[in-house]
PDB file of N, CA and C in Angstrom:
ATOM      1  N   MET A   1      -6.971  10.906  -4.508  1.00  0.00           N
ATOM      2  CA  MET A   1      -6.249   9.691  -4.117  1.00  0.00           C
ATOM      3  C   MET A   1      -6.391   8.486  -5.245  1.00  0.00           C
ATOM      4  N   ASN A   2      -5.759   7.750  -5.158  1.00  0.00           N
ATOM      5  CA  ASN A   2      -5.750   6.567  -6.159  1.00  0.00           C
ATOM      6  C   ASN A   2      -6.331   5.398  -5.580  1.00  0.00           C
ATOM      7  N   HIS A   3      -7.483   4.904  -6.093  1.00  0.00           N
ATOM      8  CA  HIS A   3      -8.217   4.025  -5.930  1.00  0.00           C
ATOM      9  C   HIS A   3      -7.739   2.587  -5.992  1.00  0.00           C
ATOM     10  N   SER A   4      -6.376   2.569  -6.921  1.00  0.00           N
ATOM     11  CA  SER A   4      -5.971   1.559  -6.703  1.00  0.00           C
ATOM     12  C   SER A   4      -5.186   1.062  -5.525  1.00  0.00           C
ATOM     13  N   LEU A   5      -4.465   2.057  -4.627  1.00  0.00           N
ATOM     14  CA  LEU A   5      -4.038   1.794  -3.213  1.00  0.00           C
ATOM     15  C   LEU A   5      -5.036   1.104  -2.458  1.00  0.00           C
ATOM     16  N   PHE A   6      -6.371   1.587  -2.595  1.00  0.00           N
ATOM     17  CA  PHE A   6      -7.308   0.671  -1.554  1.00  0.00           C
ATOM     18  C   PHE A   6      -7.546  -0.555  -2.411  1.00  0.00           C
ATOM     19  N   VAL A   7      -7.534  -1.156  -3.366  1.00  0.00           N
ATOM     20  CA  VAL A   7      -7.740  -2.323  -3.932  1.00  0.00           C
ATOM     21  C   VAL A   7      -6.235  -3.348  -3.434  1.00  0.00           C
ATOM     22  N   ARG A   8      -5.200  -2.528  -3.698  1.00  0.00           N
ATOM     23  CA  ARG A   8      -4.056  -3.245  -2.947  1.00  0.00           C
ATOM     24  C   ARG A   8      -4.175  -3.634  -1.690  1.00  0.00           C
ATOM     25  N   ILE A   9      -4.517  -2.648  -0.732  1.00  0.00           N
ATOM     26  CA  ILE A   9      -4.928  -2.819   0.571  1.00  0.00           C
ATOM     27  C   ILE A   9      -6.083  -3.978   0.979  1.00  0.00           C
ATOM     28  N   GLU A  10      -6.842  -3.983   0.081  1.00  0.00           N
ATOM     29  CA  GLU A  10      -7.929  -5.258   0.385  1.00  0.00           C
ATOM     30  C   GLU A  10      -7.504  -6.453   0.033  1.00  0.00           C
ATOM     31  N   PHE A  11      -6.718  -6.356  -1.139  1.00  0.00           N
ATOM     32  CA  PHE A  11      -6.134  -7.814  -1.539  1.00  0.00           C
ATOM     33  C   PHE A  11      -5.059  -8.240  -0.680  1.00  0.00           C
ATOM     34  N   PHE A  12      -4.197  -7.305  -0.010  1.00  0.00           N
ATOM     35  CA  PHE A  12      -3.358  -7.695   0.927  1.00  0.00           C
ATOM     36  C   PHE A  12      -3.982  -8.488   2.385  1.00  0.00           C
ATOM     37  N   TYR A  13      -4.943  -7.701   2.541  1.00  0.00           N
ATOM     38  CA  TYR A  13      -5.848  -8.078   3.591  1.00  0.00           C
ATOM     39  C   TYR A  13      -6.526  -9.518   3.535  1.00  0.00           C
ATOM     40  N   CYS A  14      -6.842  -9.908   2.124  1.00  0.00           N
ATOM     41  CA  CYS A  14      -7.490 -10.973   1.892  1.00  0.00           C
ATOM     42  C   CYS A  14      -6.242 -12.198   1.914  1.00  0.00           C
ATOM     43  N   GLN A  15      -5.377 -11.770   1.412  1.00  0.00           N
ATOM     44  CA  GLN A  15      -3.915 -12.605   1.467  1.00  0.00           C
ATOM     45  C   GLN A  15      -3.725 -13.073   2.816  1.00  0.00           C
ATOM     46  N   LEU A  16      -3.823 -11.795   3.679  1.00  0.00           N
ATOM     47  CA  LEU A  16      -3.290 -11.848   5.040  1.00  0.00           C
ATOM     48  C   LEU A  16      -4.271 -13.184   5.828  1.00  0.00           C
ATOM     49  N   GLN A  17      -5.600 -12.795   5.720  1.00  0.00           N
ATOM     50  CA  GLN A  17      -6.812 -13.682   6.170  1.00  0.00           C
ATOM     51  C   GLN A  17      -6.499 -14.860   5.465  1.00  0.00           C
ATOM     52  N   GLU A  18      -5.879 -15.447   4.402  1.00  0.00           N
ATOM     53  CA  GLU A  18      -5.615 -16.683   3.799  1.00  0.00           C
ATOM     54  C   GLU A  18      -4.331 -17.460   4.534  1.00  0.00           C
ATOM     55  N   GLY A  19      -3.967 -16.894   5.077  1.00  0.00           N
ATOM     56  CA  GLY A  19      -2.373 -17.321   5.570  1.00  0.00           C
ATOM     57  C   GLY A  19      -1.212 -17.123   4.627  1.00  0.00           C
ATOM     58  N   VAL A  20      -1.475 -16.403   3.650  1.00  0.00           N
ATOM     59  CA  VAL A  20      -0.322 -16.291   2.532  1.00  0.00           C
ATOM     60  C   VAL A  20       0.953 -15.955   3.075  1.00  0.00           C
ATOM     61  N   TYR A  21       0.951 -15.219   4.187  1.00  0.00           N
ATOM     62  CA  TYR A  21       2.360 -14.680   4.701  1.00  0.00           C
ATOM     63  C   TYR A  21       2.639 -15.432   5.916  1.00  0.00           C
ATOM     64  N   ASP A  22       3.241 -16.444   5.573  1.00  0.00           N
ATOM     65  CA  ASP A  22       3.804 -17.525   6.464  1.00  0.00           C
ATOM     66  C   ASP A  22       4.959 -17.165   7.523  1.00  0.00           C
ATOM     67  N   HIS A  23       5.787 -16.372   6.752  1.00  0.00           N
ATOM     68  CA  HIS A  23       6.980 -16.154   7.190  1.00  0.00           C
ATOM     69  C   HIS A  23       6.773 -14.323   7.744  1.00  0.00           C
ATOM     70  N   PRO A  24       7.825 -14.087   8.881  1.00  0.00           N
ATOM     71  CA  PRO A  24       7.442 -12.616   9.206  1.00  0.00           C
ATOM     72  C   PRO A  24       8.116 -11.699   8.144  1.00  0.00           C
ATOM     73  N   PHE A  25       9.203 -12.229   7.461  1.00  0.00           N
ATOM     74  CA  PHE A  25       9.716 -11.373   6.329  1.00  0.00           C
ATOM     75  C   PHE A  25       8.987 -10.932   5.382  1.00  0.00           C
ATOM     76  N   ASP A  26       7.981 -12.195   4.739  1.00  0.00           N
ATOM     77  CA  ASP A  26       7.132 -11.989   3.540  1.00  0.00           C
ATOM     78  C   ASP A  26       5.818 -10.861   4.007  1.00  0.00           C
ATOM     79  N   LEU A  27       5.801 -11.110   5.054  1.00  0.00           N
ATOM     80  CA  LEU A  27       4.532 -10.071   5.754  1.00  0.00           C
ATOM     81  C   LEU A  27       5.171  -8.688   5.781  1.00  0.00           C
ATOM     82  N   ALA A  28       6.296  -8.477   6.283  1.00  0.00           N
ATOM     83  CA  ALA A  28       7.042  -7.164   6.288  1.00  0.00           C
ATOM     84  C   ALA A  28       7.312  -6.619   4.741  1.00  0.00           C
ATOM     85  N   VAL A  29       7.755  -7.409   3.865  1.00  0.00           N
ATOM     86  CA  VAL A  29       7.800  -7.115   2.260  1.00  0.00           C
ATOM     87  C   VAL A  29       6.692  -6.463   2.007  1.00  0.00           C
ATOM     88  N   ALA A  30       5.711  -7.368   2.132  1.00  0.00           N
ATOM     89  CA  ALA A  30       4.072  -6.985   1.858  1.00  0.00           C
ATOM     90  C   ALA A  30       3.770  -5.455   2.413  1.00  0.00           C
ATOM     91  N   LEU A  31       3.775  -5.449   3.682  1.00  0.00           N
ATOM     92  CA  LEU A  31       3.405  -3.797   4.476  1.00  0.00           C
ATOM     93  C   LEU A  31       4.370  -3.195   3.840  1.00  0.00           C
ATOM     94  N   GLU A  32       5.648  -3.169   3.573  1.00  0.00           N
ATOM     95  CA  GLU A  32       6.424  -2.050   3.066  1.00  0.00           C
ATOM     96  C   GLU A  32       6.113  -1.612   1.672  1.00  0.00           C
ATOM     97  N   ALA A  33       5.730  -2.517   0.931  1.00  0.00           N
ATOM     98  CA  ALA A  33       5.339  -2.318  -0.396  1.00  0.00           C
ATOM     99  C   ALA A  33       4.189  -1.354  -0.477  1.00  0.00           C
ATOM    100  N   LEU A  34       3.189  -1.787   0.555  1.00  0.00           N
ATOM    101  CA  LEU A  34       1.806  -0.908   0.825  1.00  0.00           C
ATOM    102  C   LEU A  34       2.181   0.606   1.030  1.00  0.00           C
ATOM    103  N   ALA A  35       3.252   0.496   2.208  1.00  0.00           N
ATOM    104  CA  ALA A  35       3.543   1.950   2.741  1.00  0.00           C
ATOM    105  C   ALA A  35       4.170   2.681   1.704  1.00  0.00           C
ATOM    106  N   ASN A  36       5.167   2.225   1.166  1.00  0.00           N
ATOM    107  CA  ASN A  36       5.504   3.100  -0.165  1.00  0.00           C
ATOM    108  C   ASN A  36       4.920   3.358  -0.965  1.00  0.00           C
ATOM    109  N   ARG A  37       3.804   2.795  -1.389  1.00  0.00           N
ATOM    110  CA  ARG A  37       2.756   2.948  -2.660  1.00  0.00           C
ATOM    111  C   ARG A  37       1.775   4.108  -1.942  1.00  0.00           C
ATOM    112  N   ALA A  38       1.728   3.873  -0.434  1.00  0.00           N
ATOM    113  CA  ALA A  38       0.861   5.140   0.131  1.00  0.00           C
ATOM    114  C   ALA A  38       1.780   6.470   0.334  1.00  0.00           C
ATOM    115  N   TRP A  39       2.781   6.213   0.222  1.00  0.00           N
ATOM    116  CA  TRP A  39       3.729   7.769   0.488  1.00  0.00           C
ATOM    117  C   TRP A  39       3.771   8.334  -0.619  1.00  0.00           C
ATOM    118  N   ASP A  40       4.025   7.319  -1.973  1.00  0.00           N
ATOM    119  CA  ASP A  40       3.913   7.902  -3.411  1.00  0.00           C
ATOM    120  C   ASP A  40       2.742   8.621  -3.694  1.00  0.00           C
ATOM    121  N   ASP A  41       1.638   8.231  -3.173  1.00  0.00           N
ATOM    122  CA  ASP A  41       0.297   8.890  -3.288  1.00  0.00           C
ATOM    123  C   ASP A  41       0.310  10.262  -2.844  1.00  0.00           C
ATOM    124  N   VAL A  42       0.753  10.242  -1.366  1.00  0.00           N
ATOM    125  CA  VAL A  42       1.014  11.600  -0.561  1.00  0.00           C
ATOM    126  C   VAL A  42       1.867  12.448  -1.259  1.00  0.00           C
ATOM    127  N   ASP A  43       3.130  12.134  -1.643  1.00  0.00           N
ATOM    128  CA  ASP A  43       3.689  12.986  -2.464  1.00  0.00           C
ATOM    129  C   ASP A  43       3.076  13.471  -3.819  1.00  0.00           C
ATOM    130  N   TYR A  44       2.476  12.770  -4.443  1.00  0.00           N
ATOM    131  CA  TYR A  44       1.652  13.040  -5.841  1.00  0.00           C
ATOM    132  C   TYR A  44       0.983  14.365  -5.331  1.00  0.00           C
ATOM    133  N   LEU A  45      -0.335  14.023  -4.408  1.00  0.00           N
ATOM    134  CA  LEU A  45      -1.084  14.876  -3.709  1.00  0.00           C
ATOM    135  C   LEU A  45      -0.148  16.298  -3.327  1.00  0.00           C
ATOM    136  N   CYS A  46       0.470  16.015  -2.654  1.00  0.00           N
ATOM    137  CA  CYS A  46       1.244  17.373  -1.831  1.00  0.00           C
ATOM    138  C   CYS A  46       1.792  18.275  -3.167  1.00  0.00           C
ATOM    139  N   ASN A  47       2.627  17.501  -4.318  1.00  0.00           N
ATOM    140  CA  ASN A  47       3.004  18.120  -5.465  1.00  0.00           C
ATOM    141  C   ASN A  47       1.751  18.888  -6.049  1.00  0.00           C
ATOM    142  N   ASN A  48       0.687  18.306  -6.285  1.00  0.00           N
ATOM    143  CA  ASN A  48      -0.574  18.992  -7.168  1.00  0.00           C
ATOM    144  C   ASN A  48      -0.988  19.817  -6.288  1.00  0.00           C
ATOM    145  N   ILE A  49      -1.430  20.303  -4.872  1.00  0.00           N
ATOM    146  CA  ILE A  49      -1.540  21.085  -4.301  1.00  0.00           C
ATOM    147  C   ILE A  49      -0.720  22.319  -4.326  1.00  0.00           C
ATOM    148  N   VAL A  50       0.576  22.216  -4.046  1.00  0.00           N
ATOM    149  CA  VAL A  50       1.947  23.036  -4.308  1.00  0.00           C
ATOM    150  C   VAL A  50       1.631  23.950  -5.490  1.00  0.00           C
ATOM    151  N   GLU A  51       1.662  22.736  -6.568  1.00  0.00           N
ATOM    152  CA  GLU A  51       1.618  23.513  -7.824  1.00  0.00           C
ATOM    153  C   GLU A  51       0.354  24.531  -8.269  1.00  0.00           C
ATOM    154  N   ASP A  52      -1.036  24.018  -7.651  1.00  0.00           N
ATOM    155  CA  ASP A  52      -2.083  24.755  -7.775  1.00  0.00           C
ATOM    156  C   ASP A  52      -1.958  26.279  -7.101  1.00  0.00           C
TER     157      ASP A  52
END
């Protein structure tokens, strides 16, 4: 698994605690970006398992 995803999650959490996401839409966009990145990592891992 990619450590950069965990860094992105931690960064998101810090921004959330600081109140950066004032509007629900901004929060939704940030969460969607994290989810997309997580699914990209899952796809990468699954493809590597299938190829091995």
